[in-house]
């Protein structure tokens, strides 16, 4: 078992589920956790060298560029509806990213 890949997929899935958690419970703490976990996921994707690494990193950066302004909207502007809208965009980007992870895993499985 490749533990590096386990950690990489763990944080990718964790970023998806923490965004869903924020969409369920609209608190700034949940949004902060979602943005933090997504940033860790992005950092882990920087060093990955595989078939779809550019697409995975781009999807993660899109999610970051949605979650960071969403947190700013909640804390500074005080507009929760914009934060929710931006978080939905981040959720879609992470769903796309997880789809790429599944495709990549099936491609790697065929090589064995």
Protein backbone atom coordinates (compact mmCIF):
# COMPACT_ATOMS: atom_id res chain seq x y z
CA UNK A 1 0.00 0.00 0.00
CA UNK A 2 1.31 3.44 -0.94
CA UNK A 3 0.92 5.55 2.22
CA UNK A 4 1.76 8.74 0.36
CA UNK A 5 -1.22 8.18 -1.90
CA UNK A 6 -3.40 7.34 1.11
CA UNK A 7 -2.58 10.68 2.74
CA UNK A 8 -3.00 12.51 -0.57
CA UNK A 9 -6.46 11.01 -1.22
CA UNK A 10 -7.42 11.44 2.44
CA UNK A 11 -6.87 15.20 2.33
CA UNK A 12 -8.57 15.47 -1.06
CA UNK A 13 -11.67 13.72 0.28
CA UNK A 14 -11.47 15.58 3.58
CA UNK A 15 -11.51 18.91 1.77
CA UNK A 16 -14.63 17.83 -0.11
CA UNK A 17 -16.45 16.73 3.04
CA UNK A 18 -15.50 19.80 5.10
CA UNK A 19 -16.99 22.05 2.41
CA UNK A 20 -20.16 19.96 2.57
CA UNK A 21 -20.06 20.40 6.34
CA UNK A 22 -19.95 24.18 5.96
CA UNK A 23 -22.87 24.09 3.55
CA UNK A 24 -24.83 22.15 6.18
CA UNK A 25 -23.82 24.33 9.15
CA UNK A 26 -23.13 27.92 8.09
CA UNK A 27 -20.48 29.00 10.59
CA UNK A 28 -17.22 30.82 10.06
CA UNK A 29 -15.40 28.07 11.98
CA UNK A 30 -16.61 25.41 9.55
CA UNK A 31 -15.55 27.60 6.62
CA UNK A 32 -12.13 28.17 8.18
CA UNK A 33 -11.63 24.42 8.64
CA UNK A 34 -12.74 23.78 5.04
CA UNK A 35 -10.34 26.39 3.67
CA UNK A 36 -7.47 25.11 5.84
CA UNK A 37 -7.92 21.49 4.84
CA UNK A 38 -8.22 22.51 1.19
CA UNK A 39 -4.94 24.46 1.42
CA UNK A 40 -3.21 21.41 2.87
CA UNK A 41 -4.66 19.34 0.03
CA UNK A 42 -3.34 21.86 -2.50
CA UNK A 43 0.14 21.78 -0.96
CA UNK A 44 0.18 17.98 -1.15
CA UNK A 45 -0.82 18.12 -4.83
CA UNK A 46 2.12 20.37 -5.74
CA UNK A 47 4.66 17.55 -5.56
CA UNK A 48 2.56 14.89 -7.29
CA UNK A 49 3.86 13.58 -10.60
CA UNK A 50 1.22 11.46 -12.27
CA UNK A 51 -1.03 11.34 -15.29
CA UNK A 52 -3.53 14.02 -14.26
CA UNK A 53 -1.42 16.07 -11.82
CA UNK A 54 -1.90 19.40 -13.63
CA UNK A 55 -5.67 18.98 -13.67
CA UNK A 56 -5.75 17.95 -10.01
CA UNK A 57 -3.68 20.95 -8.95
CA UNK A 58 -5.80 23.31 -11.05
CA UNK A 59 -9.02 21.99 -9.49
CA UNK A 60 -7.56 22.41 -6.02
CA UNK A 61 -6.44 25.97 -6.79
CA UNK A 62 -9.95 26.77 -8.04
CA UNK A 63 -11.37 25.54 -4.74
CA UNK A 64 -8.83 27.68 -2.84
CA UNK A 65 -9.78 30.72 -4.91
CA UNK A 66 -13.39 30.15 -3.87
CA UNK A 67 -12.89 29.35 -0.18
CA UNK A 68 -10.48 32.15 0.71
CA UNK A 69 -12.78 34.92 -0.61
CA UNK A 70 -15.74 33.13 0.99
CA UNK A 71 -14.04 33.39 4.37
CA UNK A 72 -13.31 37.07 3.72
CA UNK A 73 -16.97 37.63 2.84
CA UNK A 74 -18.08 36.04 6.10
CA UNK A 75 -15.59 37.71 8.42
CA UNK A 76 -15.07 41.16 6.89
CA UNK A 77 -18.10 41.88 4.72
CA UNK A 78 -20.55 39.84 6.79
CA UNK A 79 -22.34 38.42 3.76
CA UNK A 80 -23.09 34.75 4.32
CA UNK A 81 -25.01 34.29 1.05
CA UNK A 82 -21.93 35.14 -1.04
CA UNK A 83 -19.84 32.80 1.09
CA UNK A 84 -22.29 29.98 0.48
CA UNK A 85 -22.30 30.67 -3.26
CA UNK A 86 -18.51 30.62 -3.41
CA UNK A 87 -18.39 27.45 -1.32
CA UNK A 88 -20.71 25.71 -3.77
CA UNK A 89 -18.17 26.54 -6.48
CA UNK A 90 -15.41 25.04 -4.34
CA UNK A 91 -17.55 21.96 -3.76
CA UNK A 92 -17.99 21.49 -7.51
CA UNK A 93 -14.23 21.87 -8.05
CA UNK A 94 -13.52 19.24 -5.39
CA UNK A 95 -16.09 16.84 -6.86
CA UNK A 96 -14.32 17.26 -10.20
CA UNK A 97 -10.98 16.64 -8.46
CA UNK A 98 -12.24 13.44 -6.82
CA UNK A 99 -13.51 12.26 -10.21
CA UNK A 100 -10.00 12.76 -11.57
CA UNK A 101 -8.56 10.81 -8.64
CA UNK A 102 -10.89 7.90 -9.45
CA UNK A 103 -9.95 8.02 -13.14
CA UNK A 104 -6.28 8.12 -12.28
CA UNK A 105 -6.62 5.20 -9.86
CA UNK A 106 -8.33 3.10 -12.51
CA UNK A 107 -5.59 3.97 -15.04
CA UNK A 108 -2.88 2.99 -12.57
CA UNK A 109 -4.67 -0.27 -11.79
CA UNK A 110 -4.60 -1.20 -15.50
CA UNK A 111 -0.80 -0.81 -15.58
CA UNK A 112 -0.21 -3.62 -13.05
